[in-house]
Amino acid sequence: MNQPHVAQPQPVFQVDPFVVQTLRAVLGKKLVVETIRGSVSGDLREVKPESCRGAAS
């Protein structure tokens, strides 16, 4: 009845350098980001591409 441990799939996110560069160009400005989950608007305060790797939201 002991089943071998099966690793759970982990999401993998690729960071697009163009997107990071574009977001850094609008730091401190108001913007709206639309996703399939809805939209978020406000001032962009920081860009953290490294925090997206392996993080599920």
C-alpha atoms as a PDB file:
ATOM      1  CA  MET A   1       0.000   0.000   0.000  1.00  0.00           C
ATOM      2  CA  ASN A   2       3.035   2.266   0.168  1.00  0.00           C
ATOM      3  CA  GLN A   3       3.118   4.307  -2.996  1.00  0.00           C
ATOM      4  CA  PRO A   4       6.356   5.941  -4.107  1.00  0.00           C
ATOM      5  CA  HIS A   5       6.581   9.688  -3.570  1.00  0.00           C
ATOM      6  CA  VAL A   6       5.445  11.492  -6.691  1.00  0.00           C
ATOM      7  CA  ALA A   7       6.757  15.018  -7.103  1.00  0.00           C
ATOM      8  CA  GLN A   8       4.045  17.597  -7.623  1.00  0.00           C
ATOM      9  CA  PRO A   9       4.384  19.667 -10.786  1.00  0.00           C
ATOM     10  CA  GLN A  10       5.739  23.150 -10.122  1.00  0.00           C
ATOM     11  CA  PRO A  11       4.772  26.107 -12.294  1.00  0.00           C
ATOM     12  CA  VAL A  12       7.609  27.599 -14.304  1.00  0.00           C
ATOM     13  CA  PHE A  13       7.488  31.234 -15.368  1.00  0.00           C
ATOM     14  CA  GLN A  14       9.761  32.686 -17.980  1.00  0.00           C
ATOM     15  CA  VAL A  15      10.739  36.307 -17.476  1.00  0.00           C
ATOM     16  CA  ASP A  16      10.680  38.326 -20.693  1.00  0.00           C
ATOM     17  CA  PRO A  17      13.543  40.872 -20.598  1.00  0.00           C
ATOM     18  CA  PHE A  18      11.573  43.215 -22.905  1.00  0.00           C
ATOM     19  CA  VAL A  19       8.650  43.289 -20.463  1.00  0.00           C
ATOM     20  CA  VAL A  20      10.974  43.925 -17.513  1.00  0.00           C
ATOM     21  CA  GLN A  21      12.722  46.762 -19.374  1.00  0.00           C
ATOM     22  CA  THR A  22       9.381  48.279 -20.392  1.00  0.00           C
ATOM     23  CA  LEU A  23       8.018  48.112 -16.837  1.00  0.00           C
ATOM     24  CA  ARG A  24      11.187  49.727 -15.467  1.00  0.00           C
ATOM     25  CA  ALA A  25      10.676  52.564 -17.967  1.00  0.00           C
ATOM     26  CA  VAL A  26       7.282  53.357 -16.401  1.00  0.00           C
ATOM     27  CA  LEU A  27       8.278  53.110 -12.736  1.00  0.00           C
ATOM     28  CA  GLY A  28       6.399  55.686 -10.683  1.00  0.00           C
ATOM     29  CA  LYS A  29       3.718  56.171 -13.330  1.00  0.00           C
ATOM     30  CA  LYS A  30       0.065  55.177 -13.258  1.00  0.00           C
ATOM     31  CA  LEU A  31      -0.850  52.141 -15.323  1.00  0.00           C
ATOM     32  CA  VAL A  32      -3.470  49.458 -15.743  1.00  0.00           C
ATOM     33  CA  VAL A  33      -2.555  45.781 -16.060  1.00  0.00           C
ATOM     34  CA  GLU A  34      -5.209  43.507 -17.513  1.00  0.00           C
ATOM     35  CA  THR A  35      -5.057  39.731 -17.124  1.00  0.00           C
ATOM     36  CA  ILE A  36      -7.474  36.872 -17.557  1.00  0.00           C
ATOM     37  CA  ARG A  37      -8.242  37.271 -13.841  1.00  0.00           C
ATOM     38  CA  GLY A  38      -9.185  40.936 -14.127  1.00  0.00           C
ATOM     39  CA  SER A  39      -7.391  44.250 -14.041  1.00  0.00           C
ATOM     40  CA  VAL A  40      -5.319  46.158 -11.515  1.00  0.00           C
ATOM     41  CA  SER A  41      -4.558  49.878 -11.696  1.00  0.00           C
ATOM     42  CA  GLY A  42      -2.239  52.149  -9.749  1.00  0.00           C
ATOM     43  CA  ASP A  43       1.294  53.514  -9.543  1.00  0.00           C
ATOM     44  CA  LEU A  44       4.090  51.085 -10.364  1.00  0.00           C
ATOM     45  CA  ARG A  45       6.507  51.126  -7.409  1.00  0.00           C
ATOM     46  CA  GLU A  46       8.977  48.355  -8.211  1.00  0.00           C
ATOM     47  CA  VAL A  47       9.789  45.591 -10.689  1.00  0.00           C
ATOM     48  CA  LYS A  48      10.953  42.245  -9.293  1.00  0.00           C
ATOM     49  CA  PRO A  49      11.407  39.703 -12.086  1.00  0.00           C
ATOM     50  CA  GLU A  50      13.278  37.277  -9.811  1.00  0.00           C
ATOM     51  CA  SER A  51      10.293  36.959  -7.452  1.00  0.00           C
ATOM     52  CA  CYS A  52       8.138  35.511 -10.244  1.00  0.00           C
ATOM     53  CA  ARG A  53      10.161  32.341 -10.689  1.00  0.00           C
ATOM     54  CA  GLY A  54       8.381  29.377  -9.205  1.00  0.00           C
ATOM     55  CA  ALA A  55       5.793  31.493  -7.411  1.00  0.00           C
ATOM     56  CA  ALA A  56       2.194  30.519  -7.908  1.00  0.00           C
ATOM     57  CA  SER A  57      -0.401  33.201  -7.564  1.00  0.00           C
END
